[in-house]
Amino acid sequence: MRTVFFDIDTQLDFVSPAGALYAPGAERVIAVVARLNRHAASSGIVLVSTTDAHAENDAEFAQWPPHCVAGTLGQRKPQATLIEKAAVAPNRDALPDTAGAAQIIVEKQTVDVFETRTIAPLLERLGADRFVVYGVVTEVCVWHAARGLLRLGKPVTIATDAVQALRPEAGERALAELRAAGATLATISEVLSGELRP
């Protein structure tokens, strides 16, 4: 079976206390996400990292405070979560060459990565059988990504100690909904135990 790791929106505006849309406590996931990302790279598991890449006047800012504006410091991922040999996939029709990339960074402008033009062709190219999902924030972008993957009918595991909610109660509800929809909830130690291989 081919596994793909999904690192959702671990960007400075979300995980740094100085970030524009900081999820309280999210800085704790940086080291865990970095560990999962390094495990993927060393194990030959494809790593897909989603990132918001907003314009300064993005329509999403009617609902959320401005954040992750393309090219700003807040839009960047923490250095520890980046893997050498990364390929960036902007939200446009032409999917870039991802051959040989250990990390594929999918840029998006909405909370749902499945609203991008790149995700469907990328997933088809990757041909994954199962997915491990983690990142921020649990009840928004992580929820949307996991729900979209579950709709494909493939196994989805949420690494529960590598996610962070904006509101704890909402995060707990989101995880319960995902489990009810068929997702498996696992700790990072369970994910890294050797049961999940490419």
N, C-alpha and C. Protein backbone atom coordinates (compact mmCIF):
# COMPACT_ATOMS: atom_id res chain seq x y z
N MET A 1 0.83 -1.20 0.00
CA MET A 1 0.00 0.00 0.00
C MET A 1 0.88 1.25 0.00
N ARG A 2 0.44 2.27 -0.71
CA ARG A 2 1.18 3.52 -0.76
C ARG A 2 0.53 4.54 0.17
N THR A 3 1.32 5.03 1.13
CA THR A 3 0.85 6.00 2.11
C THR A 3 1.33 7.39 1.73
N VAL A 4 0.48 8.38 1.94
CA VAL A 4 0.84 9.78 1.79
C VAL A 4 0.58 10.49 3.11
N PHE A 5 1.56 11.28 3.57
CA PHE A 5 1.38 12.10 4.76
C PHE A 5 0.87 13.48 4.32
N PHE A 6 -0.11 14.00 5.03
CA PHE A 6 -0.69 15.31 4.76
C PHE A 6 -0.42 16.24 5.94
N ASP A 7 0.47 17.20 5.74
CA ASP A 7 0.83 18.22 6.73
C ASP A 7 0.01 19.46 6.39
N ILE A 8 -0.99 19.75 7.22
CA ILE A 8 -1.96 20.80 6.89
C ILE A 8 -1.60 22.14 7.55
N ASP A 9 -1.27 23.12 6.72
CA ASP A 9 -1.20 24.53 7.11
C ASP A 9 -0.32 24.84 8.32
N THR A 10 0.76 24.10 8.51
CA THR A 10 1.67 24.47 9.60
C THR A 10 2.50 25.67 9.13
N GLN A 11 1.93 26.85 9.31
CA GLN A 11 2.52 28.11 8.86
C GLN A 11 2.64 29.05 10.05
N LEU A 12 3.59 29.97 9.97
CA LEU A 12 3.90 30.82 11.12
C LEU A 12 2.70 31.63 11.59
N ASP A 13 1.84 32.08 10.70
CA ASP A 13 0.67 32.85 11.13
C ASP A 13 -0.29 32.03 11.99
N PHE A 14 -0.21 30.70 11.91
CA PHE A 14 -1.09 29.83 12.70
C PHE A 14 -0.39 29.25 13.92
N VAL A 15 0.92 28.97 13.81
CA VAL A 15 1.60 28.22 14.87
C VAL A 15 2.52 29.07 15.74
N SER A 16 2.72 30.32 15.39
CA SER A 16 3.58 31.20 16.19
C SER A 16 2.72 32.14 17.02
N PRO A 17 3.06 32.33 18.30
CA PRO A 17 2.27 33.26 19.13
C PRO A 17 2.17 34.66 18.54
N ALA A 18 3.12 35.05 17.70
CA ALA A 18 3.07 36.37 17.05
C ALA A 18 2.29 36.33 15.74
N GLY A 19 1.77 35.16 15.37
CA GLY A 19 1.09 35.01 14.10
C GLY A 19 -0.24 35.72 14.03
N ALA A 20 -0.66 36.05 12.82
CA ALA A 20 -1.88 36.81 12.60
C ALA A 20 -3.15 36.05 12.98
N LEU A 21 -3.12 34.73 12.91
CA LEU A 21 -4.29 33.91 13.25
C LEU A 21 -3.82 32.71 14.07
N TYR A 22 -3.10 33.03 15.15
CA TYR A 22 -2.48 32.03 16.01
C TYR A 22 -3.51 31.16 16.71
N ALA A 23 -3.32 29.85 16.64
CA ALA A 23 -4.12 28.90 17.42
C ALA A 23 -3.39 28.66 18.73
N PRO A 24 -3.94 29.10 19.86
CA PRO A 24 -3.21 29.01 21.13
C PRO A 24 -2.69 27.59 21.41
N GLY A 25 -1.39 27.52 21.66
CA GLY A 25 -0.73 26.25 21.92
C GLY A 25 -0.18 25.56 20.69
N ALA A 26 -0.41 26.13 19.50
CA ALA A 26 -0.03 25.45 18.26
C ALA A 26 1.48 25.31 18.09
N GLU A 27 2.26 26.14 18.78
CA GLU A 27 3.71 26.02 18.64
C GLU A 27 4.20 24.64 19.08
N ARG A 28 3.42 23.97 19.92
CA ARG A 28 3.82 22.64 20.40
C ARG A 28 3.82 21.60 19.28
N VAL A 29 3.05 21.83 18.21
CA VAL A 29 2.99 20.81 17.15
C VAL A 29 4.17 20.90 16.18
N ILE A 30 4.93 21.99 16.23
CA ILE A 30 6.01 22.16 15.24
C ILE A 30 7.00 21.00 15.30
N ALA A 31 7.46 20.65 16.50
CA ALA A 31 8.44 19.57 16.62
C ALA A 31 7.84 18.23 16.21
N VAL A 32 6.58 18.02 16.53
CA VAL A 32 5.92 16.76 16.18
C VAL A 32 5.72 16.65 14.67
N VAL A 33 5.28 17.74 14.07
CA VAL A 33 5.11 17.77 12.61
C VAL A 33 6.46 17.57 11.93
N ALA A 34 7.49 18.23 12.44
CA ALA A 34 8.83 18.06 11.87
C ALA A 34 9.26 16.60 11.93
N ARG A 35 8.96 15.95 13.03
CA ARG A 35 9.32 14.53 13.19
C ARG A 35 8.57 13.66 12.18
N LEU A 36 7.29 13.91 12.02
CA LEU A 36 6.50 13.15 11.03
C LEU A 36 7.01 13.41 9.62
N ASN A 37 7.31 14.67 9.32
CA ASN A 37 7.79 15.01 7.98
C ASN A 37 9.13 14.36 7.68
N ARG A 38 10.03 14.36 8.66
CA ARG A 38 11.33 13.72 8.47
C ARG A 38 11.17 12.20 8.31
N HIS A 39 10.24 11.63 9.08
CA HIS A 39 9.96 10.20 8.95
C HIS A 39 9.48 9.88 7.54
N ALA A 40 8.58 10.71 7.02
CA ALA A 40 8.09 10.49 5.66
C ALA A 40 9.26 10.51 4.67
N ALA A 41 10.11 11.53 4.78
CA ALA A 41 11.22 11.66 3.84
C ALA A 41 12.18 10.49 3.93
N SER A 42 12.48 10.04 5.16
CA SER A 42 13.45 8.95 5.31
C SER A 42 12.86 7.58 4.97
N SER A 43 11.52 7.50 4.94
CA SER A 43 10.86 6.21 4.68
C SER A 43 10.32 6.09 3.26
N GLY A 44 10.54 7.10 2.45
CA GLY A 44 10.03 7.06 1.08
C GLY A 44 8.53 7.30 0.98
N ILE A 45 7.95 7.89 2.03
CA ILE A 45 6.53 8.24 2.02
C ILE A 45 6.39 9.63 1.43
N VAL A 46 5.48 9.80 0.48
CA VAL A 46 5.28 11.12 -0.11
C VAL A 46 4.65 12.04 0.92
N LEU A 47 5.16 13.26 1.02
CA LEU A 47 4.67 14.26 1.95
C LEU A 47 4.01 15.39 1.16
N VAL A 48 2.72 15.61 1.43
CA VAL A 48 2.00 16.74 0.85
C VAL A 48 1.76 17.74 1.97
N SER A 49 2.24 18.97 1.78
CA SER A 49 2.03 20.03 2.77
C SER A 49 1.15 21.09 2.15
N THR A 50 0.01 21.38 2.78
CA THR A 50 -0.83 22.46 2.27
C THR A 50 -0.42 23.77 2.93
N THR A 51 -0.53 24.87 2.18
CA THR A 51 -0.24 26.19 2.74
C THR A 51 -1.23 27.20 2.17
N ASP A 52 -1.73 28.05 3.05
CA ASP A 52 -2.49 29.21 2.57
C ASP A 52 -1.52 30.14 1.85
N ALA A 53 -1.98 30.71 0.75
CA ALA A 53 -1.18 31.69 0.00
C ALA A 53 -2.15 32.75 -0.51
N HIS A 54 -2.52 33.68 0.37
CA HIS A 54 -3.57 34.64 0.08
C HIS A 54 -3.04 35.91 -0.58
N ALA A 55 -3.91 36.54 -1.39
CA ALA A 55 -3.67 37.90 -1.86
C ALA A 55 -4.01 38.86 -0.72
N GLU A 56 -3.53 40.10 -0.82
CA GLU A 56 -3.76 41.06 0.26
C GLU A 56 -5.24 41.37 0.47
N ASN A 57 -6.03 41.27 -0.59
CA ASN A 57 -7.47 41.57 -0.50
C ASN A 57 -8.31 40.31 -0.69
N ASP A 58 -7.80 39.18 -0.24
CA ASP A 58 -8.47 37.90 -0.46
C ASP A 58 -9.88 37.90 0.12
N ALA A 59 -10.79 37.27 -0.62
CA ALA A 59 -12.19 37.20 -0.19
C ALA A 59 -12.35 36.50 1.16
N GLU A 60 -11.44 35.58 1.49
CA GLU A 60 -11.54 34.86 2.76
C GLU A 60 -11.42 35.80 3.96
N PHE A 61 -10.84 36.98 3.75
CA PHE A 61 -10.63 37.90 4.86
C PHE A 61 -11.93 38.57 5.31
N ALA A 62 -13.02 38.31 4.61
CA ALA A 62 -14.33 38.76 5.09
C ALA A 62 -14.78 37.88 6.26
N GLN A 63 -14.25 36.65 6.32
CA GLN A 63 -14.62 35.71 7.37
C GLN A 63 -13.54 35.57 8.44
N TRP A 64 -12.28 35.66 8.03
CA TRP A 64 -11.15 35.48 8.94
C TRP A 64 -10.26 36.72 8.89
N PRO A 65 -9.56 37.03 9.98
CA PRO A 65 -8.60 38.14 9.92
C PRO A 65 -7.54 37.85 8.85
N PRO A 66 -6.98 38.90 8.22
CA PRO A 66 -5.93 38.68 7.22
C PRO A 66 -4.80 37.81 7.78
N HIS A 67 -4.34 36.85 6.97
CA HIS A 67 -3.31 35.91 7.41
C HIS A 67 -2.66 35.28 6.19
N CYS A 68 -1.47 34.79 6.35
CA CYS A 68 -0.76 34.01 5.32
C CYS A 68 -0.81 34.67 3.95
N VAL A 69 -0.57 35.97 3.92
CA VAL A 69 -0.49 36.68 2.64
C VAL A 69 0.79 36.23 1.94
N ALA A 70 0.65 35.84 0.68
CA ALA A 70 1.78 35.28 -0.07
C ALA A 70 2.99 36.20 0.00
N GLY A 71 4.14 35.62 0.33
CA GLY A 71 5.39 36.36 0.39
C GLY A 71 5.72 36.96 1.74
N THR A 72 4.79 36.90 2.69
CA THR A 72 5.07 37.45 4.02
C THR A 72 5.71 36.40 4.91
N LEU A 73 6.29 36.85 6.01
CA LEU A 73 6.89 35.94 6.97
C LEU A 73 5.85 34.98 7.53
N GLY A 74 4.66 35.48 7.83
CA GLY A 74 3.61 34.65 8.40
C GLY A 74 3.14 33.54 7.48
N GLN A 75 3.34 33.70 6.19
CA GLN A 75 2.91 32.68 5.23
C GLN A 75 3.88 31.50 5.17
N ARG A 76 5.08 31.69 5.69
CA ARG A 76 6.09 30.63 5.62
C ARG A 76 5.80 29.49 6.59
N LYS A 77 6.33 28.33 6.26
CA LYS A 77 6.32 27.20 7.17
C LYS A 77 7.55 27.30 8.07
N PRO A 78 7.46 26.85 9.32
CA PRO A 78 8.67 26.79 10.15
C PRO A 78 9.74 25.95 9.45
N GLN A 79 10.97 26.38 9.51
CA GLN A 79 12.06 25.71 8.81
C GLN A 79 12.12 24.23 9.14
N ALA A 80 11.83 23.87 10.38
CA ALA A 80 11.92 22.46 10.81
C ALA A 80 10.94 21.55 10.08
N THR A 81 9.86 22.13 9.53
CA THR A 81 8.84 21.30 8.85
C THR A 81 9.13 21.15 7.36
N LEU A 82 10.18 21.81 6.88
CA LEU A 82 10.51 21.73 5.45
C LEU A 82 11.50 20.60 5.19
N ILE A 83 11.33 19.98 4.04
CA ILE A 83 12.18 18.87 3.61
C ILE A 83 12.91 19.29 2.35
N GLU A 84 14.16 18.86 2.22
CA GLU A 84 14.89 19.14 0.98
C GLU A 84 14.16 18.48 -0.19
N LYS A 85 14.36 19.03 -1.35
CA LYS A 85 13.72 18.56 -2.57
C LYS A 85 12.21 18.75 -2.50
N ALA A 86 11.80 19.99 -2.24
CA ALA A 86 10.37 20.33 -2.21
C ALA A 86 9.96 20.90 -3.56
N ALA A 87 8.70 20.65 -3.92
CA ALA A 87 8.11 21.22 -5.13
C ALA A 87 6.87 21.99 -4.70
N VAL A 88 6.69 23.20 -5.23
CA VAL A 88 5.53 24.02 -4.91
C VAL A 88 4.50 23.88 -6.03
N ALA A 89 3.24 23.63 -5.63
CA ALA A 89 2.15 23.50 -6.59
C ALA A 89 1.17 24.65 -6.37
N PRO A 90 1.32 25.76 -7.12
CA PRO A 90 0.36 26.86 -6.99
C PRO A 90 -1.03 26.41 -7.44
N ASN A 91 -2.05 27.13 -6.99
CA ASN A 91 -3.43 26.79 -7.32
C ASN A 91 -3.76 27.25 -8.73
N ARG A 92 -3.35 26.44 -9.69
CA ARG A 92 -3.66 26.73 -11.10
C ARG A 92 -3.78 25.42 -11.85
N ASP A 93 -4.19 25.50 -13.11
CA ASP A 93 -4.52 24.29 -13.86
C ASP A 93 -3.33 23.38 -14.11
N ALA A 94 -2.18 23.94 -14.39
CA ALA A 94 -1.02 23.12 -14.74
C ALA A 94 -0.32 22.64 -13.48
N LEU A 95 -0.34 21.33 -13.26
CA LEU A 95 0.34 20.75 -12.11
C LEU A 95 1.83 20.67 -12.42
N PRO A 96 2.70 21.20 -11.56
CA PRO A 96 4.13 21.17 -11.85
C PRO A 96 4.70 19.76 -11.78
N ASP A 97 5.90 19.61 -12.28
CA ASP A 97 6.61 18.34 -12.19
C ASP A 97 6.95 18.07 -10.73
N THR A 98 6.48 16.96 -10.20
CA THR A 98 6.75 16.62 -8.81
C THR A 98 7.66 15.39 -8.70
N ALA A 99 8.16 14.91 -9.82
CA ALA A 99 9.03 13.73 -9.80
C ALA A 99 10.27 14.02 -8.96
N GLY A 100 10.56 13.15 -8.03
CA GLY A 100 11.73 13.31 -7.20
C GLY A 100 11.54 14.23 -6.01
N ALA A 101 10.36 14.87 -5.90
CA ALA A 101 10.12 15.76 -4.77
C ALA A 101 9.77 14.95 -3.53
N ALA A 102 10.42 15.25 -2.41
CA ALA A 102 10.12 14.58 -1.15
C ALA A 102 8.96 15.27 -0.44
N GLN A 103 8.73 16.55 -0.77
CA GLN A 103 7.65 17.33 -0.16
C GLN A 103 6.98 18.13 -1.27
N ILE A 104 5.68 18.01 -1.38
CA ILE A 104 4.91 18.76 -2.37
C ILE A 104 4.05 19.76 -1.62
N ILE A 105 4.32 21.05 -1.82
CA ILE A 105 3.62 22.11 -1.11
C ILE A 105 2.49 22.63 -1.99
N VAL A 106 1.26 22.36 -1.57
CA VAL A 106 0.07 22.73 -2.33
C VAL A 106 -0.46 24.06 -1.78
N GLU A 107 -0.44 25.09 -2.59
CA GLU A 107 -0.93 26.40 -2.17
C GLU A 107 -2.43 26.49 -2.38
N LYS A 108 -3.11 27.15 -1.43
CA LYS A 108 -4.56 27.26 -1.50
C LYS A 108 -5.01 28.63 -1.00
N GLN A 109 -6.23 29.01 -1.36
CA GLN A 109 -6.77 30.30 -0.96
C GLN A 109 -8.05 30.18 -0.12
N THR A 110 -8.47 28.95 0.18
CA THR A 110 -9.65 28.73 1.00
C THR A 110 -9.31 27.69 2.08
N VAL A 111 -10.24 27.51 3.01
CA VAL A 111 -9.99 26.55 4.08
C VAL A 111 -9.98 25.11 3.59
N ASP A 112 -10.56 24.86 2.42
CA ASP A 112 -10.71 23.49 1.91
C ASP A 112 -9.74 23.25 0.75
N VAL A 113 -8.73 22.41 0.98
CA VAL A 113 -7.76 22.11 -0.07
C VAL A 113 -8.41 21.48 -1.29
N PHE A 114 -9.58 20.86 -1.10
CA PHE A 114 -10.26 20.24 -2.23
C PHE A 114 -10.95 21.25 -3.14
N GLU A 115 -10.87 22.53 -2.80
CA GLU A 115 -11.34 23.59 -3.70
C GLU A 115 -10.24 24.07 -4.63
N THR A 116 -9.02 23.55 -4.48
CA THR A 116 -7.94 23.93 -5.38
C THR A 116 -8.04 23.13 -6.68
N ARG A 117 -7.42 23.66 -7.72
CA ARG A 117 -7.40 22.96 -9.01
C ARG A 117 -6.30 21.90 -9.06
N THR A 118 -5.43 21.90 -8.06
CA THR A 118 -4.28 21.00 -8.11
C THR A 118 -4.48 19.69 -7.37
N ILE A 119 -5.34 19.66 -6.35
CA ILE A 119 -5.35 18.50 -5.47
C ILE A 119 -5.83 17.23 -6.17
N ALA A 120 -6.88 17.31 -6.98
CA ALA A 120 -7.38 16.10 -7.63
C ALA A 120 -6.34 15.49 -8.58
N PRO A 121 -5.74 16.28 -9.49
CA PRO A 121 -4.72 15.68 -10.35
C PRO A 121 -3.49 15.21 -9.58
N LEU A 122 -3.14 15.90 -8.49
CA LEU A 122 -1.99 15.47 -7.70
C LEU A 122 -2.27 14.12 -7.05
N LEU A 123 -3.44 13.96 -6.44
CA LEU A 123 -3.77 12.69 -5.80
C LEU A 123 -3.84 11.56 -6.82
N GLU A 124 -4.33 11.87 -8.01
CA GLU A 124 -4.35 10.85 -9.07
C GLU A 124 -2.93 10.45 -9.45
N ARG A 125 -2.06 11.43 -9.53
CA ARG A 125 -0.66 11.15 -9.87
C ARG A 125 0.01 10.31 -8.78
N LEU A 126 -0.28 10.61 -7.53
CA LEU A 126 0.37 9.92 -6.42
C LEU A 126 -0.14 8.49 -6.24
N GLY A 127 -1.40 8.25 -6.57
CA GLY A 127 -1.97 6.90 -6.47
C GLY A 127 -1.89 6.32 -5.07
N ALA A 128 -2.21 7.13 -4.06
CA ALA A 128 -2.10 6.67 -2.67
C ALA A 128 -3.25 5.76 -2.28
N ASP A 129 -2.96 4.84 -1.39
CA ASP A 129 -3.97 3.92 -0.86
C ASP A 129 -4.47 4.36 0.51
N ARG A 130 -3.67 5.14 1.23
CA ARG A 130 -4.07 5.59 2.55
C ARG A 130 -3.34 6.89 2.89
N PHE A 131 -3.86 7.61 3.89
CA PHE A 131 -3.38 8.94 4.20
C PHE A 131 -3.24 9.12 5.71
N VAL A 132 -2.20 9.85 6.12
CA VAL A 132 -2.03 10.27 7.50
C VAL A 132 -2.10 11.79 7.51
N VAL A 133 -3.02 12.34 8.32
CA VAL A 133 -3.30 13.78 8.30
C VAL A 133 -2.95 14.38 9.65
N TYR A 134 -2.34 15.59 9.62
CA TYR A 134 -1.99 16.31 10.84
C TYR A 134 -1.76 17.76 10.50
N GLY A 135 -1.72 18.63 11.51
CA GLY A 135 -1.47 20.05 11.29
C GLY A 135 -2.47 20.93 12.00
N VAL A 136 -2.78 22.08 11.41
CA VAL A 136 -3.66 23.06 12.04
C VAL A 136 -4.65 23.64 11.01
N VAL A 137 -5.78 24.16 11.48
CA VAL A 137 -6.33 23.88 12.80
C VAL A 137 -7.34 22.74 12.64
N THR A 138 -7.50 22.00 13.75
CA THR A 138 -8.25 20.75 13.70
C THR A 138 -9.64 20.90 13.12
N GLU A 139 -10.39 21.90 13.61
CA GLU A 139 -11.80 22.00 13.24
C GLU A 139 -12.05 22.74 11.93
N VAL A 140 -10.98 23.20 11.29
CA VAL A 140 -11.18 23.93 10.03
C VAL A 140 -10.43 23.21 8.91
N CYS A 141 -9.20 23.59 8.64
CA CYS A 141 -8.50 23.05 7.48
C CYS A 141 -8.17 21.56 7.60
N VAL A 142 -7.83 21.10 8.82
CA VAL A 142 -7.56 19.67 9.00
C VAL A 142 -8.85 18.89 8.74
N TRP A 143 -9.96 19.38 9.28
CA TRP A 143 -11.26 18.72 9.09
C TRP A 143 -11.61 18.63 7.61
N HIS A 144 -11.48 19.75 6.89
CA HIS A 144 -11.81 19.75 5.46
C HIS A 144 -10.93 18.78 4.68
N ALA A 145 -9.63 18.78 4.96
CA ALA A 145 -8.72 17.89 4.24
C ALA A 145 -9.06 16.43 4.50
N ALA A 146 -9.27 16.09 5.77
CA ALA A 146 -9.59 14.70 6.11
C ALA A 146 -10.92 14.27 5.52
N ARG A 147 -11.93 15.15 5.58
CA ARG A 147 -13.23 14.81 4.98
C ARG A 147 -13.10 14.59 3.48
N GLY A 148 -12.34 15.44 2.82
CA GLY A 148 -12.15 15.27 1.38
C GLY A 148 -11.47 13.96 1.04
N LEU A 149 -10.48 13.58 1.85
CA LEU A 149 -9.78 12.31 1.62
C LEU A 149 -10.69 11.12 1.92
N LEU A 150 -11.50 11.23 2.97
CA LEU A 150 -12.43 10.14 3.29
C LEU A 150 -13.44 9.92 2.16
N ARG A 151 -13.82 10.99 1.49
CA ARG A 151 -14.77 10.86 0.38
C ARG A 151 -14.18 10.05 -0.77
N LEU A 152 -12.87 9.93 -0.82
CA LEU A 152 -12.23 9.11 -1.85
C LEU A 152 -12.35 7.62 -1.54
N GLY A 153 -12.81 7.31 -0.32
CA GLY A 153 -12.99 5.91 0.06
C GLY A 153 -11.72 5.20 0.48
N LYS A 154 -10.68 5.99 0.81
CA LYS A 154 -9.41 5.39 1.24
C LYS A 154 -9.23 5.57 2.74
N PRO A 155 -8.45 4.70 3.40
CA PRO A 155 -8.21 4.85 4.84
C PRO A 155 -7.50 6.17 5.16
N VAL A 156 -7.99 6.82 6.22
CA VAL A 156 -7.42 8.08 6.69
C VAL A 156 -7.14 7.95 8.18
N THR A 157 -5.91 8.29 8.58
CA THR A 157 -5.53 8.32 9.99
C THR A 157 -5.21 9.74 10.39
N ILE A 158 -5.77 10.19 11.51
CA ILE A 158 -5.46 11.51 12.05
C ILE A 158 -4.46 11.33 13.19
N ALA A 159 -3.31 11.99 13.10
CA ALA A 159 -2.32 11.94 14.18
C ALA A 159 -2.75 12.94 15.24
N THR A 160 -3.41 12.46 16.28
CA THR A 160 -4.11 13.32 17.24
C THR A 160 -3.20 14.21 18.08
N ASP A 161 -1.95 13.81 18.28
CA ASP A 161 -1.06 14.68 19.04
C ASP A 161 -0.20 15.55 18.12
N ALA A 162 -0.58 15.61 16.85
CA ALA A 162 0.10 16.48 15.88
C ALA A 162 -0.91 17.42 15.23
N VAL A 163 -2.04 17.66 15.92
CA VAL A 163 -3.03 18.64 15.47
C VAL A 163 -3.27 19.63 16.60
N GLN A 164 -3.76 20.80 16.24
CA GLN A 164 -4.10 21.81 17.24
C GLN A 164 -5.36 22.53 16.79
N ALA A 165 -6.29 22.68 17.73
CA ALA A 165 -7.55 23.37 17.44
C ALA A 165 -7.43 24.86 17.77
N LEU A 166 -8.27 25.64 17.14
CA LEU A 166 -8.42 27.05 17.50
C LEU A 166 -9.25 27.15 18.78
N ARG A 167 -10.30 26.32 18.85
CA ARG A 167 -11.14 26.21 20.04
C ARG A 167 -11.19 24.74 20.44
N PRO A 168 -10.73 24.39 21.64
CA PRO A 168 -10.62 22.98 22.03
C PRO A 168 -11.90 22.16 21.85
N GLU A 169 -13.04 22.72 22.24
CA GLU A 169 -14.29 21.95 22.12
C GLU A 169 -14.62 21.67 20.66
N ALA A 170 -14.40 22.66 19.81
CA ALA A 170 -14.65 22.48 18.38
C ALA A 170 -13.70 21.45 17.80
N GLY A 171 -12.46 21.44 18.27
CA GLY A 171 -11.50 20.45 17.81
C GLY A 171 -11.90 19.04 18.19
N GLU A 172 -12.39 18.88 19.42
CA GLU A 172 -12.85 17.56 19.86
C GLU A 172 -14.05 17.09 19.03
N ARG A 173 -14.97 18.01 18.75
CA ARG A 173 -16.13 17.65 17.91
C ARG A 173 -15.68 17.25 16.51
N ALA A 174 -14.71 17.99 15.96
CA ALA A 174 -14.22 17.68 14.61
C ALA A 174 -13.61 16.29 14.56
N LEU A 175 -12.81 15.94 15.56
CA LEU A 175 -12.20 14.61 15.58
C LEU A 175 -13.26 13.52 15.73
N ALA A 176 -14.29 13.79 16.55
CA ALA A 176 -15.38 12.82 16.71
C ALA A 176 -16.13 12.63 15.39
N GLU A 177 -16.36 13.72 14.67
CA GLU A 177 -17.04 13.63 13.37
C GLU A 177 -16.20 12.84 12.37
N LEU A 178 -14.91 13.08 12.36
CA LEU A 178 -14.04 12.37 11.43
C LEU A 178 -13.99 10.88 11.76
N ARG A 179 -13.93 10.57 13.04
CA ARG A 179 -13.94 9.16 13.43
C ARG A 179 -15.26 8.50 13.00
N ALA A 180 -16.37 9.19 13.21
CA ALA A 180 -17.68 8.66 12.80
C ALA A 180 -17.77 8.47 11.29
N ALA A 181 -17.01 9.30 10.55
CA ALA A 181 -17.01 9.20 9.09
C ALA A 181 -16.05 8.13 8.57
N GLY A 182 -15.30 7.50 9.49
CA GLY A 182 -14.43 6.39 9.09
C GLY A 182 -12.96 6.59 9.32
N ALA A 183 -12.56 7.76 9.83
CA ALA A 183 -11.13 8.00 10.09
C ALA A 183 -10.68 7.23 11.33
N THR A 184 -9.40 6.88 11.34
CA THR A 184 -8.77 6.29 12.51
C THR A 184 -8.03 7.38 13.26
N LEU A 185 -8.14 7.41 14.58
CA LEU A 185 -7.40 8.36 15.40
C LEU A 185 -6.23 7.63 16.02
N ALA A 186 -5.02 8.18 15.86
CA ALA A 186 -3.82 7.51 16.37
C ALA A 186 -2.85 8.55 16.89
N THR A 187 -1.99 8.13 17.81
CA THR A 187 -0.93 9.00 18.30
C THR A 187 0.25 8.93 17.33
N ILE A 188 1.16 9.88 17.47
CA ILE A 188 2.34 9.88 16.61
C ILE A 188 3.15 8.60 16.82
N SER A 189 3.23 8.11 18.06
CA SER A 189 4.00 6.89 18.30
C SER A 189 3.38 5.71 17.57
N GLU A 190 2.05 5.68 17.49
CA GLU A 190 1.39 4.61 16.74
C GLU A 190 1.63 4.76 15.24
N VAL A 191 1.63 5.99 14.77
CA VAL A 191 1.90 6.24 13.35
C VAL A 191 3.32 5.82 12.99
N LEU A 192 4.27 6.12 13.89
CA LEU A 192 5.68 5.84 13.60
C LEU A 192 6.12 4.42 14.03
N SER A 193 5.19 3.65 14.51
CA SER A 193 5.54 2.31 15.06
C SER A 193 5.98 1.32 14.00
N GLY A 194 5.78 1.66 12.74
CA GLY A 194 6.15 0.74 11.68
C GLY A 194 4.95 0.08 11.02
N GLU A 195 3.76 0.33 11.58
CA GLU A 195 2.57 -0.24 10.97
C GLU A 195 2.20 0.47 9.67
N LEU A 196 2.53 1.76 9.56
CA LEU A 196 2.21 2.52 8.36
C LEU A 196 3.45 2.62 7.50
N ARG A 197 3.46 1.93 6.40
CA ARG A 197 4.61 1.94 5.49
C ARG A 197 4.15 2.40 4.12
N PRO A 198 5.11 2.83 3.25
CA PRO A 198 4.71 3.31 1.92
C PRO A 198 3.96 2.25 1.13
